[in-house]
PDB file of N, CA and C in Angstrom:
ATOM      1  N   MET A   1      18.934 -21.538  15.542  1.00  0.00           N
ATOM      2  CA  MET A   1      19.594 -20.428  16.209  1.00  0.00           C
ATOM      3  C   MET A   1      21.092 -20.532  15.965  1.00  0.00           C
ATOM      4  N   ASN A   2      21.731 -19.398  15.772  1.00  0.00           N
ATOM      5  CA  ASN A   2      23.163 -19.363  15.523  1.00  0.00           C
ATOM      6  C   ASN A   2      23.938 -19.269  16.823  1.00  0.00           C
ATOM      7  N   THR A   3      25.014 -20.040  16.906  1.00  0.00           N
ATOM      8  CA  THR A   3      25.915 -19.900  18.040  1.00  0.00           C
ATOM      9  C   THR A   3      26.839 -18.724  17.732  1.00  0.00           C
ATOM     10  N   PRO A   4      27.538 -18.195  18.735  1.00  0.00           N
ATOM     11  CA  PRO A   4      28.395 -17.033  18.486  1.00  0.00           C
ATOM     12  C   PRO A   4      29.423 -17.247  17.374  1.00  0.00           C
ATOM     13  N   THR A   5      29.862 -18.480  17.152  1.00  0.00           N
ATOM     14  CA  THR A   5      30.876 -18.741  16.134  1.00  0.00           C
ATOM     15  C   THR A   5      30.262 -19.194  14.805  1.00  0.00           C
ATOM     16  N   GLN A   6      28.980 -19.394  14.756  1.00  0.00           N
ATOM     17  CA  GLN A   6      28.339 -19.892  13.551  1.00  0.00           C
ATOM     18  C   GLN A   6      27.762 -18.738  12.732  1.00  0.00           C
ATOM     19  N   ALA A   7      28.084 -18.725  11.463  1.00  0.00           N
ATOM     20  CA  ALA A   7      27.569 -17.689  10.563  1.00  0.00           C
ATOM     21  C   ALA A   7      26.084 -17.936  10.322  1.00  0.00           C
ATOM     22  N   PRO A   8      25.336 -16.890   9.950  1.00  0.00           N
ATOM     23  CA  PRO A   8      23.920 -17.072   9.604  1.00  0.00           C
ATOM     24  C   PRO A   8      23.779 -18.062   8.447  1.00  0.00           C
ATOM     25  N   LEU A   9      22.632 -18.702   8.361  1.00  0.00           N
ATOM     26  CA  LEU A   9      22.379 -19.692   7.320  1.00  0.00           C
ATOM     27  C   LEU A   9      22.646 -19.123   5.932  1.00  0.00           C
ATOM     28  N   TRP A  10      22.152 -17.908   5.654  1.00  0.00           N
ATOM     29  CA  TRP A  10      22.343 -17.341   4.324  1.00  0.00           C
ATOM     30  C   TRP A  10      23.819 -17.225   3.970  1.00  0.00           C
ATOM     31  N   GLN A  11      24.653 -16.945   4.967  1.00  0.00           N
ATOM     32  CA  GLN A  11      26.077 -16.790   4.736  1.00  0.00           C
ATOM     33  C   GLN A  11      26.754 -18.145   4.505  1.00  0.00           C
ATOM     34  N   ARG A  12      26.255 -19.185   5.177  1.00  0.00           N
ATOM     35  CA  ARG A  12      26.800 -20.526   4.958  1.00  0.00           C
ATOM     36  C   ARG A  12      26.372 -21.070   3.596  1.00  0.00           C
ATOM     37  N   GLU A  13      25.143 -20.774   3.192  1.00  0.00           N
ATOM     38  CA  GLU A  13      24.624 -21.275   1.916  1.00  0.00           C
ATOM     39  C   GLU A  13      25.144 -20.455   0.727  1.00  0.00           C
ATOM     40  N   PHE A  14      25.435 -19.184   0.949  1.00  0.00           N
ATOM     41  CA  PHE A  14      25.932 -18.282  -0.095  1.00  0.00           C
ATOM     42  C   PHE A  14      27.197 -17.582   0.405  1.00  0.00           C
ATOM     43  N   PRO A  15      28.288 -18.323   0.531  1.00  0.00           N
ATOM     44  CA  PRO A  15      29.495 -17.746   1.123  1.00  0.00           C
ATOM     45  C   PRO A  15      30.089 -16.579   0.326  1.00  0.00           C
ATOM     46  N   ASP A  16      29.715 -16.448  -0.951  1.00  0.00           N
ATOM     47  CA  ASP A  16      30.232 -15.333  -1.752  1.00  0.00           C
ATOM     48  C   ASP A  16      29.336 -14.092  -1.682  1.00  0.00           C
ATOM     49  N   PHE A  17      28.224 -14.173  -0.930  1.00  0.00           N
ATOM     50  CA  PHE A  17      27.327 -13.026  -0.779  1.00  0.00           C
ATOM     51  C   PHE A  17      27.946 -12.077   0.247  1.00  0.00           C
ATOM     52  N   PRO A  18      28.275 -10.850  -0.156  1.00  0.00           N
ATOM     53  CA  PRO A  18      28.935  -9.923   0.776  1.00  0.00           C
ATOM     54  C   PRO A  18      28.033  -9.546   1.961  1.00  0.00           C
ATOM     55  N   PRO A  19      28.497  -9.752   3.177  1.00  0.00           N
ATOM     56  CA  PRO A  19      27.695  -9.392   4.341  1.00  0.00           C
ATOM     57  C   PRO A  19      27.245  -7.929   4.336  1.00  0.00           C
ATOM     58  N   ALA A  20      28.058  -7.044   3.800  1.00  0.00           N
ATOM     59  CA  ALA A  20      27.692  -5.623   3.758  1.00  0.00           C
ATOM     60  C   ALA A  20      26.503  -5.366   2.835  1.00  0.00           C
ATOM     61  N   ASP A  21      26.223  -6.293   1.932  1.00  0.00           N
ATOM     62  CA  ASP A  21      25.099  -6.138   1.000  1.00  0.00           C
ATOM     63  C   ASP A  21      23.787  -6.687   1.549  1.00  0.00           C
ATOM     64  N   MET A  22      23.828  -7.312   2.724  1.00  0.00           N
ATOM     65  CA  MET A  22      22.610  -7.885   3.312  1.00  0.00           C
ATOM     66  C   MET A  22      21.949  -6.836   4.207  1.00  0.00           C
ATOM     67  N   PRO A  23      20.738  -6.398   3.834  1.00  0.00           N
ATOM     68  CA  PRO A  23      20.053  -5.425   4.696  1.00  0.00           C
ATOM     69  C   PRO A  23      19.638  -6.067   6.022  1.00  0.00           C
ATOM     70  N   GLU A  24      19.451  -5.236   7.013  1.00  0.00           N
ATOM     71  CA  GLU A  24      19.031  -5.727   8.325  1.00  0.00           C
ATOM     72  C   GLU A  24      17.537  -6.025   8.290  1.00  0.00           C
ATOM     73  N   LEU A  25      17.193  -7.217   8.749  1.00  0.00           N
ATOM     74  CA  LEU A  25      15.790  -7.625   8.805  1.00  0.00           C
ATOM     75  C   LEU A  25      15.290  -7.533  10.239  1.00  0.00           C
ATOM     76  N   SER A  26      14.039  -7.175  10.385  1.00  0.00           N
ATOM     77  CA  SER A  26      13.451  -7.101  11.718  1.00  0.00           C
ATOM     78  C   SER A  26      13.212  -8.509  12.263  1.00  0.00           C
ATOM     79  N   PRO A  27      13.038  -8.642  13.573  1.00  0.00           N
ATOM     80  CA  PRO A  27      12.746  -9.950  14.150  1.00  0.00           C
ATOM     81  C   PRO A  27      11.484 -10.538  13.514  1.00  0.00           C
ATOM     82  N   GLY A  28      11.420 -11.843  13.441  1.00  0.00           N
ATOM     83  CA  GLY A  28      10.261 -12.520  12.862  1.00  0.00           C
ATOM     84  C   GLY A  28      10.561 -13.137  11.509  1.00  0.00           C
ATOM     85  N   TRP A  29      11.653 -12.730  10.887  1.00  0.00           N
ATOM     86  CA  TRP A  29      12.040 -13.293   9.594  1.00  0.00           C
ATOM     87  C   TRP A  29      12.934 -14.502   9.826  1.00  0.00           C
ATOM     88  N   GLU A  30      12.511 -15.649   9.303  1.00  0.00           N
ATOM     89  CA  GLU A  30      13.277 -16.886   9.438  1.00  0.00           C
ATOM     90  C   GLU A  30      14.115 -17.092   8.176  1.00  0.00           C
ATOM     91  N   ASP A  31      15.375 -17.343   8.364  1.00  0.00           N
ATOM     92  CA  ASP A  31      16.287 -17.571   7.250  1.00  0.00           C
ATOM     93  C   ASP A  31      15.987 -18.932   6.629  1.00  0.00           C
ATOM     94  N   LYS A  32      15.579 -18.937   5.366  1.00  0.00           N
ATOM     95  CA  LYS A  32      15.243 -20.167   4.640  1.00  0.00           C
ATOM     96  C   LYS A  32      16.200 -20.395   3.473  1.00  0.00           C
ATOM     97  N   SER A  33      17.345 -19.752   3.501  1.00  0.00           N
ATOM     98  CA  SER A  33      18.293 -19.816   2.398  1.00  0.00           C
ATOM     99  C   SER A  33      18.760 -21.247   2.145  1.00  0.00           C
ATOM    100  N   TRP A  34      18.934 -21.544   0.862  1.00  0.00           N
ATOM    101  CA  TRP A  34      19.396 -22.862   0.447  1.00  0.00           C
ATOM    102  C   TRP A  34      20.288 -22.674  -0.777  1.00  0.00           C
ATOM    103  N   HIS A  35      21.424 -23.312  -0.792  1.00  0.00           N
ATOM    104  CA  HIS A  35      22.430 -23.089  -1.836  1.00  0.00           C
ATOM    105  C   HIS A  35      21.949 -23.418  -3.251  1.00  0.00           C
ATOM    106  N   ASN A  36      20.924 -24.215  -3.411  1.00  0.00           N
ATOM    107  CA  ASN A  36      20.407 -24.524  -4.754  1.00  0.00           C
ATOM    108  C   ASN A  36      19.470 -23.442  -5.276  1.00  0.00           C
ATOM    109  N   ASP A  37      19.096 -22.493  -4.451  1.00  0.00           N
ATOM    110  CA  ASP A  37      18.303 -21.348  -4.907  1.00  0.00           C
ATOM    111  C   ASP A  37      19.250 -20.304  -5.500  1.00  0.00           C
ATOM    112  N   ALA A  38      18.673 -19.306  -6.141  1.00  0.00           N
ATOM    113  CA  ALA A  38      19.479 -18.272  -6.787  1.00  0.00           C
ATOM    114  C   ALA A  38      20.092 -17.289  -5.796  1.00  0.00           C
ATOM    115  N   CYS A  39      19.424 -17.122  -4.626  1.00  0.00           N
ATOM    116  CA  CYS A  39      19.890 -16.124  -3.667  1.00  0.00           C
ATOM    117  C   CYS A  39      19.261 -16.418  -2.305  1.00  0.00           C
ATOM    118  N   PRO A  40      19.729 -15.750  -1.255  1.00  0.00           N
ATOM    119  CA  PRO A  40      19.166 -15.946   0.076  1.00  0.00           C
ATOM    120  C   PRO A  40      17.671 -15.590   0.140  1.00  0.00           C
ATOM    121  N   SER A  41      16.957 -16.295   1.022  1.00  0.00           N
ATOM    122  CA  SER A  41      15.529 -16.020   1.208  1.00  0.00           C
ATOM    123  C   SER A  41      15.167 -16.102   2.680  1.00  0.00           C
ATOM    124  N   PHE A  42      14.101 -15.386   3.023  1.00  0.00           N
ATOM    125  CA  PHE A  42      13.642 -15.280   4.408  1.00  0.00           C
ATOM    126  C   PHE A  42      12.127 -15.351   4.413  1.00  0.00           C
ATOM    127  N   HIS A  43      11.567 -15.934   5.474  1.00  0.00           N
ATOM    128  CA  HIS A  43      10.119 -16.123   5.552  1.00  0.00           C
ATOM    129  C   HIS A  43       9.586 -15.558   6.870  1.00  0.00           C
ATOM    130  N   ASP A  44       8.465 -14.868   6.795  1.00  0.00           N
ATOM    131  CA  ASP A  44       7.738 -14.423   7.981  1.00  0.00           C
ATOM    132  C   ASP A  44       6.408 -15.161   7.982  1.00  0.00           C
ATOM    133  N   GLY A  45       6.292 -16.153   8.850  1.00  0.00           N
ATOM    134  CA  GLY A  45       5.103 -16.993   8.899  1.00  0.00           C
ATOM    135  C   GLY A  45       3.849 -16.253   9.309  1.00  0.00           C
ATOM    136  N   ASP A  46       3.964 -15.301  10.219  1.00  0.00           N
ATOM    137  CA  ASP A  46       2.789 -14.545  10.647  1.00  0.00           C
ATOM    138  C   ASP A  46       2.220 -13.726   9.493  1.00  0.00           C
ATOM    139  N   LEU A  47       3.091 -13.083   8.745  1.00  0.00           N
ATOM    140  CA  LEU A  47       2.642 -12.230   7.647  1.00  0.00           C
ATOM    141  C   LEU A  47       2.416 -13.012   6.359  1.00  0.00           C
ATOM    142  N   GLY A  48       2.899 -14.252   6.304  1.00  0.00           N
ATOM    143  CA  GLY A  48       2.757 -15.056   5.099  1.00  0.00           C
ATOM    144  C   GLY A  48       3.573 -14.511   3.953  1.00  0.00           C
ATOM    145  N   LEU A  49       4.775 -14.017   4.266  1.00  0.00           N
ATOM    146  CA  LEU A  49       5.630 -13.402   3.253  1.00  0.00           C
ATOM    147  C   LEU A  49       6.952 -14.138   3.121  1.00  0.00           C
ATOM    148  N   THR A  50       7.455 -14.181   1.906  1.00  0.00           N
ATOM    149  CA  THR A  50       8.817 -14.641   1.648  1.00  0.00           C
ATOM    150  C   THR A  50       9.553 -13.517   0.928  1.00  0.00           C
ATOM    151  N   LEU A  51      10.763 -13.249   1.386  1.00  0.00           N
ATOM    152  CA  LEU A  51      11.593 -12.193   0.830  1.00  0.00           C
ATOM    153  C   LEU A  51      12.854 -12.814   0.247  1.00  0.00           C
ATOM    154  N   TRP A  52      13.091 -12.551  -1.022  1.00  0.00           N
ATOM    155  CA  TRP A  52      14.314 -12.978  -1.703  1.00  0.00           C
ATOM    156  C   TRP A  52      15.228 -11.761  -1.813  1.00  0.00           C
ATOM    157  N   ILE A  53      16.490 -11.938  -1.435  1.00  0.00           N
ATOM    158  CA  ILE A  53      17.468 -10.856  -1.493  1.00  0.00           C
ATOM    159  C   ILE A  53      18.610 -11.299  -2.394  1.00  0.00           C
ATOM    160  N   ASP A  54      18.668 -10.716  -3.578  1.00  0.00           N
ATOM    161  CA  ASP A  54      19.674 -11.095  -4.568  1.00  0.00           C
ATOM    162  C   ASP A  54      20.933 -10.243  -4.393  1.00  0.00           C
ATOM    163  N   TYR A  55      21.944 -10.614  -5.112  1.00  0.00           N
ATOM    164  CA  TYR A  55      23.221  -9.915  -5.055  1.00  0.00           C
ATOM    165  C   TYR A  55      23.078  -8.465  -5.503  1.00  0.00           C
ATOM    166  N   ALA A  56      23.761  -7.552  -4.825  1.00  0.00           N
ATOM    167  CA  ALA A  56      23.775  -6.152  -5.245  1.00  0.00           C
ATOM    168  C   ALA A  56      24.496  -6.020  -6.587  1.00  0.00           C
ATOM    169  N   ASP A  57      25.511  -6.838  -6.777  1.00  0.00           N
ATOM    170  CA  ASP A  57      26.252  -6.868  -8.035  1.00  0.00           C
ATOM    171  C   ASP A  57      25.456  -7.678  -9.053  1.00  0.00           C
ATOM    172  N   ARG A  58      24.880  -6.998 -10.030  1.00  0.00           N
ATOM    173  CA  ARG A  58      24.042  -7.665 -11.039  1.00  0.00           C
ATOM    174  C   ARG A  58      24.768  -8.819 -11.732  1.00  0.00           C
ATOM    175  N   ALA A  59      26.073  -8.708 -11.907  1.00  0.00           N
ATOM    176  CA  ALA A  59      26.835  -9.745 -12.598  1.00  0.00           C
ATOM    177  C   ALA A  59      26.798 -11.082 -11.852  1.00  0.00           C
ATOM    178  N   LYS A  60      26.526 -11.052 -10.548  1.00  0.00           N
ATOM    179  CA  LYS A  60      26.465 -12.285  -9.757  1.00  0.00           C
ATOM    180  C   LYS A  60      25.059 -12.890  -9.713  1.00  0.00           C
ATOM    181  N   ARG A  61      24.073 -12.188 -10.242  1.00  0.00           N
ATOM    182  CA  ARG A  61      22.705 -12.699 -10.223  1.00  0.00           C
ATOM    183  C   ARG A  61      22.523 -13.787 -11.268  1.00  0.00           C
ATOM    184  N   GLU A  62      21.630 -14.713 -10.979  1.00  0.00           N
ATOM    185  CA  GLU A  62      21.353 -15.798 -11.913  1.00  0.00           C
ATOM    186  C   GLU A  62      20.859 -15.263 -13.258  1.00  0.00           C
ATOM    187  N   MET A  63      20.007 -14.230 -13.216  1.00  0.00           N
ATOM    188  CA  MET A  63      19.493 -13.583 -14.423  1.00  0.00           C
ATOM    189  C   MET A  63      19.789 -12.089 -14.312  1.00  0.00           C
ATOM    190  N   PRO A  64      21.021 -11.676 -14.589  1.00  0.00           N
ATOM    191  CA  PRO A  64      21.445 -10.302 -14.304  1.00  0.00           C
ATOM    192  C   PRO A  64      20.626  -9.209 -14.971  1.00  0.00           C
ATOM    193  N   ARG A  65      20.115  -9.455 -16.151  1.00  0.00           N
ATOM    194  CA  ARG A  65      19.380  -8.395 -16.848  1.00  0.00           C
ATOM    195  C   ARG A  65      17.889  -8.411 -16.535  1.00  0.00           C
ATOM    196  N   HIS A  66      17.411  -9.472 -15.910  1.00  0.00           N
ATOM    197  CA  HIS A  66      15.960  -9.606 -15.758  1.00  0.00           C
ATOM    198  C   HIS A  66      15.476  -9.733 -14.323  1.00  0.00           C
ATOM    199  N   SER A  67      16.360  -9.727 -13.363  1.00  0.00           N
ATOM    200  CA  SER A  67      15.904  -9.905 -11.983  1.00  0.00           C
ATOM    201  C   SER A  67      16.172  -8.655 -11.154  1.00  0.00           C
ATOM    202  N   SER A  68      15.284  -8.426 -10.218  1.00  0.00           N
ATOM    203  CA  SER A  68      15.454  -7.323  -9.270  1.00  0.00           C
ATOM    204  C   SER A  68      16.202  -7.834  -8.046  1.00  0.00           C
ATOM    205  N   ARG A  69      16.778  -6.937  -7.327  1.00  0.00           N
ATOM    206  CA  ARG A  69      17.544  -7.319  -6.140  1.00  0.00           C
ATOM    207  C   ARG A  69      16.651  -7.870  -5.033  1.00  0.00           C
ATOM    208  N   PHE A  70      15.469  -7.270  -4.861  1.00  0.00           N
ATOM    209  CA  PHE A  70      14.555  -7.671  -3.795  1.00  0.00           C
ATOM    210  C   PHE A  70      13.223  -8.103  -4.397  1.00  0.00           C
ATOM    211  N   THR A  71      12.718  -9.256  -3.948  1.00  0.00           N
ATOM    212  CA  THR A  71      11.405  -9.724  -4.371  1.00  0.00           C
ATOM    213  C   THR A  71      10.648 -10.185  -3.145  1.00  0.00           C
ATOM    214  N   LEU A  72       9.434  -9.674  -2.989  1.00  0.00           N
ATOM    215  CA  LEU A  72       8.581 -10.008  -1.855  1.00  0.00           C
ATOM    216  C   LEU A  72       7.364 -10.769  -2.379  1.00  0.00           C
ATOM    217  N   LEU A  73       7.122 -11.956  -1.815  1.00  0.00           N
ATOM    218  CA  LEU A  73       6.011 -12.809  -2.223  1.00  0.00           C
ATOM    219  C   LEU A  73       5.038 -13.012  -1.084  1.00  0.00           C
ATOM    220  N   ARG A  74       3.765 -13.075  -1.410  1.00  0.00           N
ATOM    221  CA  ARG A  74       2.719 -13.439  -0.443  1.00  0.00           C
ATOM    222  C   ARG A  74       2.505 -14.935  -0.573  1.00  0.00           C
ATOM    223  N   GLU A  75       2.755 -15.678   0.491  1.00  0.00           N
ATOM    224  CA  GLU A  75       2.753 -17.144   0.454  1.00  0.00           C
ATOM    225  C   GLU A  75       1.459 -17.781   0.930  1.00  0.00           C
ATOM    226  N   ASP A  76       0.529 -16.997   1.427  1.00  0.00           N
ATOM    227  CA  ASP A  76      -0.661 -17.607   2.019  1.00  0.00           C
ATOM    228  C   ASP A  76      -1.846 -17.682   1.057  1.00  0.00           C
ATOM    229  N   ASP A  77      -1.591 -17.551  -0.227  1.00  0.00           N
ATOM    230  CA  ASP A  77      -2.643 -17.638  -1.231  1.00  0.00           C
ATOM    231  C   ASP A  77      -2.628 -19.047  -1.822  1.00  0.00           C
ATOM    232  N   PRO A  78      -3.621 -19.889  -1.492  1.00  0.00           N
ATOM    233  CA  PRO A  78      -3.613 -21.278  -1.972  1.00  0.00           C
ATOM    234  C   PRO A  78      -3.681 -21.396  -3.494  1.00  0.00           C
ATOM    235  N   ALA A  79      -4.109 -20.355  -4.173  1.00  0.00           N
ATOM    236  CA  ALA A  79      -4.185 -20.395  -5.632  1.00  0.00           C
ATOM    237  C   ALA A  79      -2.804 -20.245  -6.280  1.00  0.00           C
ATOM    238  N   GLU A  80      -1.819 -19.799  -5.511  1.00  0.00           N
ATOM    239  CA  GLU A  80      -0.473 -19.580  -6.039  1.00  0.00           C
ATOM    240  C   GLU A  80       0.503 -20.535  -5.350  1.00  0.00           C
ATOM    241  N   ALA A  81       0.945 -21.556  -6.075  1.00  0.00           N
ATOM    242  CA  ALA A  81       1.822 -22.574  -5.488  1.00  0.00           C
ATOM    243  C   ALA A  81       3.148 -21.994  -5.006  1.00  0.00           C
ATOM    244  N   ASN A  82       3.702 -21.037  -5.722  1.00  0.00           N
ATOM    245  CA  ASN A  82       4.998 -20.462  -5.355  1.00  0.00           C
ATOM    246  C   ASN A  82       4.884 -19.065  -4.770  1.00  0.00           C
ATOM    247  N   GLY A  83       3.692 -18.660  -4.420  1.00  0.00           N
ATOM    248  CA  GLY A  83       3.496 -17.336  -3.867  1.00  0.00           C
ATOM    249  C   GLY A  83       3.160 -16.322  -4.944  1.00  0.00           C
ATOM    250  N   ARG A  84       2.486 -15.284  -4.515  1.00  0.00           N
ATOM    251  CA  ARG A  84       2.085 -14.193  -5.415  1.00  0.00           C
ATOM    252  C   ARG A  84       3.032 -13.024  -5.175  1.00  0.00           C
ATOM    253  N   GLU A  85       3.617 -12.552  -6.250  1.00  0.00           N
ATOM    254  CA  GLU A  85       4.564 -11.446  -6.119  1.00  0.00           C
ATOM    255  C   GLU A  85       3.845 -10.171  -5.707  1.00  0.00           C
ATOM    256  N   ILE A  86       4.343  -9.553  -4.645  1.00  0.00           N
ATOM    257  CA  ILE A  86       3.826  -8.270  -4.190  1.00  0.00           C
ATOM    258  C   ILE A  86       4.631  -7.149  -4.842  1.00  0.00           C
ATOM    259  N   ILE A  87       5.953  -7.300  -4.811  1.00  0.00           N
ATOM    260  CA  ILE A  87       6.827  -6.275  -5.395  1.00  0.00           C
ATOM    261  C   ILE A  87       8.181  -6.893  -5.703  1.00  0.00           C
ATOM    262  N   SER A  88       8.770  -6.413  -6.762  1.00  0.00           N
ATOM    263  CA  SER A  88      10.127  -6.765  -7.148  1.00  0.00           C
ATOM    264  C   SER A  88      10.822  -5.448  -7.511  1.00  0.00           C
ATOM    265  N   THR A  89      11.916  -5.149  -6.825  1.00  0.00           N
ATOM    266  CA  THR A  89      12.514  -3.815  -6.934  1.00  0.00           C
ATOM    267  C   THR A  89      14.001  -3.842  -6.586  1.00  0.00           C
ATOM    268  N   GLU A  90      14.675  -2.789  -6.956  1.00  0.00           N
ATOM    269  CA  GLU A  90      16.068  -2.562  -6.539  1.00  0.00           C
ATOM    270  C   GLU A  90      16.129  -1.733  -5.255  1.00  0.00           C
ATOM    271  N   ASP A  91      14.998  -1.209  -4.823  1.00  0.00           N
ATOM    272  CA  ASP A  91      14.935  -0.223  -3.738  1.00  0.00           C
ATOM    273  C   ASP A  91      14.452  -0.859  -2.432  1.00  0.00           C
ATOM    274  N   TRP A  92      15.347  -0.961  -1.457  1.00  0.00           N
ATOM    275  CA  TRP A  92      15.016  -1.571  -0.161  1.00  0.00           C
ATOM    276  C   TRP A  92      13.880  -0.824   0.540  1.00  0.00           C
ATOM    277  N   SER A  93      13.816   0.494   0.400  1.00  0.00           N
ATOM    278  CA  SER A  93      12.750   1.263   1.070  1.00  0.00           C
ATOM    279  C   SER A  93      11.373   0.870   0.537  1.00  0.00           C
ATOM    280  N   GLU A  94      11.277   0.483  -0.721  1.00  0.00           N
ATOM    281  CA  GLU A  94       9.996   0.022  -1.270  1.00  0.00           C
ATOM    282  C   GLU A  94       9.588  -1.313  -0.654  1.00  0.00           C
ATOM    283  N   ILE A  95      10.556  -2.160  -0.366  1.00  0.00           N
ATOM    284  CA  ILE A  95      10.271  -3.434   0.306  1.00  0.00           C
ATOM    285  C   ILE A  95       9.753  -3.159   1.716  1.00  0.00           C
ATOM    286  N   LEU A  96      10.415  -2.251   2.432  1.00  0.00           N
ATOM    287  CA  LEU A  96       9.985  -1.922   3.791  1.00  0.00           C
ATOM    288  C   LEU A  96       8.565  -1.359   3.801  1.00  0.00           C
ATOM    289  N   THR A  97       8.226  -0.548   2.810  1.00  0.00           N
ATOM    290  CA  THR A  97       6.870  -0.001   2.704  1.00  0.00           C
ATOM    291  C   THR A  97       5.861  -1.118   2.459  1.00  0.00           C
ATOM    292  N   ALA A  98       6.186  -2.047   1.570  1.00  0.00           N
ATOM    293  CA  ALA A  98       5.279  -3.169   1.272  1.00  0.00           C
ATOM    294  C   ALA A  98       5.081  -4.054   2.504  1.00  0.00           C
ATOM    295  N   ILE A  99       6.143  -4.280   3.274  1.00  0.00           N
ATOM    296  CA  ILE A  99       6.029  -5.077   4.503  1.00  0.00           C
ATOM    297  C   ILE A  99       5.137  -4.346   5.511  1.00  0.00           C
ATOM    298  N   LYS A 100       5.300  -3.051   5.618  1.00  0.00           N
ATOM    299  CA  LYS A 100       4.478  -2.256   6.544  1.00  0.00           C
ATOM    300  C   LYS A 100       3.000  -2.334   6.152  1.00  0.00           C
ATOM    301  N   ILE A 101       2.715  -2.257   4.867  1.00  0.00           N
ATOM    302  CA  ILE A 101       1.324  -2.378   4.397  1.00  0.00           C
ATOM    303  C   ILE A 101       0.778  -3.753   4.752  1.00  0.00           C
ATOM    304  N   ARG A 102       1.564  -4.800   4.521  1.00  0.00           N
ATOM    305  CA  ARG A 102       1.111  -6.164   4.857  1.00  0.00           C
ATOM    306  C   ARG A 102       0.909  -6.296   6.359  1.00  0.00           C
ATOM    307  N   TRP A 103       1.758  -5.664   7.166  1.00  0.00           N
ATOM    308  CA  TRP A 103       1.612  -5.713   8.620  1.00  0.00           C
ATOM    309  C   TRP A 103       0.274  -5.099   9.037  1.00  0.00           C
ATOM    310  N   THR A 104      -0.091  -3.977   8.428  1.00  0.00           N
ATOM    311  CA  THR A 104      -1.372  -3.325   8.716  1.00  0.00           C
ATOM    312  C   THR A 104      -2.537  -4.244   8.343  1.00  0.00           C
ATOM    313  N   GLU A 105      -2.449  -4.895   7.190  1.00  0.00           N
ATOM    314  CA  GLU A 105      -3.485  -5.860   6.781  1.00  0.00           C
ATOM    315  C   GLU A 105      -3.589  -6.994   7.787  1.00  0.00           C
ATOM    316  N   TYR A 106      -2.445  -7.501   8.216  1.00  0.00           N
ATOM    317  CA  TYR A 106      -2.401  -8.589   9.177  1.00  0.00           C
ATOM    318  C   TYR A 106      -3.060  -8.192  10.494  1.00  0.00           C
ATOM    319  N   GLU A 107      -2.784  -6.997  10.973  1.00  0.00           N
ATOM    320  CA  GLU A 107      -3.407  -6.530  12.215  1.00  0.00           C
ATOM    321  C   GLU A 107      -4.927  -6.462  12.075  1.00  0.00           C
ATOM    322  N   HIS A 108      -5.431  -6.076  10.921  1.00  0.00           N
ATOM    323  CA  HIS A 108      -6.874  -6.072  10.682  1.00  0.00           C
ATOM    324  C   HIS A 108      -7.420  -7.505  10.683  1.00  0.00           C
ATOM    325  N   GLU A 109      -6.679  -8.418  10.064  1.00  0.00           N
ATOM    326  CA  GLU A 109      -7.113  -9.818   9.977  1.00  0.00           C
ATOM    327  C   GLU A 109      -7.240 -10.458  11.352  1.00  0.00           C
ATOM    328  N   ILE A 110      -6.344 -10.115  12.251  1.00  0.00           N
ATOM    329  CA  ILE A 110      -6.382 -10.746  13.583  1.00  0.00           C
ATOM    330  C   ILE A 110      -7.137  -9.894  14.610  1.00  0.00           C
ATOM    331  N   GLY A 111      -7.674  -8.769  14.148  1.00  0.00           N
ATOM    332  CA  GLY A 111      -8.498  -7.945  15.014  1.00  0.00           C
ATOM    333  C   GLY A 111      -7.751  -7.011  15.942  1.00  0.00           C
ATOM    334  N   ARG A 112      -6.535  -6.663  15.615  1.00  0.00           N
ATOM    335  CA  ARG A 112      -5.764  -5.744  16.451  1.00  0.00           C
ATOM    336  C   ARG A 112      -5.950  -4.297  16.053  1.00  0.00           C
ATOM    337  N   ALA A 113      -6.448  -4.046  14.857  1.00  0.00           N
ATOM    338  CA  ALA A 113      -6.558  -2.654  14.390  1.00  0.00           C
ATOM    339  C   ALA A 113      -7.960  -2.114  14.572  1.00  0.00           C
TER     340      ALA A 113
END
């Protein structure tokens, strides 16, 4: 948990990442950012998802010509050690749609739907 004077983990690990470029995440996403990774990452344990949020400025990305700004992985598949990619896109609304679809699947899995 962050104290009022402490910056979020992603900001401490990636101090050059512009705060204005970080989309707002809903509750439930745990900041898993680490400075040795290419960009900030967040995990939702209930949904089994990891979200990578890369720099809006392509020039700051580790692979500027080959990486998308947002990548969503499904982490609960034992056959995939690093997660199975659900979507990789420049469009935040596509990420939100993919999360909503996974949420619906999750509700079916736990018997809420």
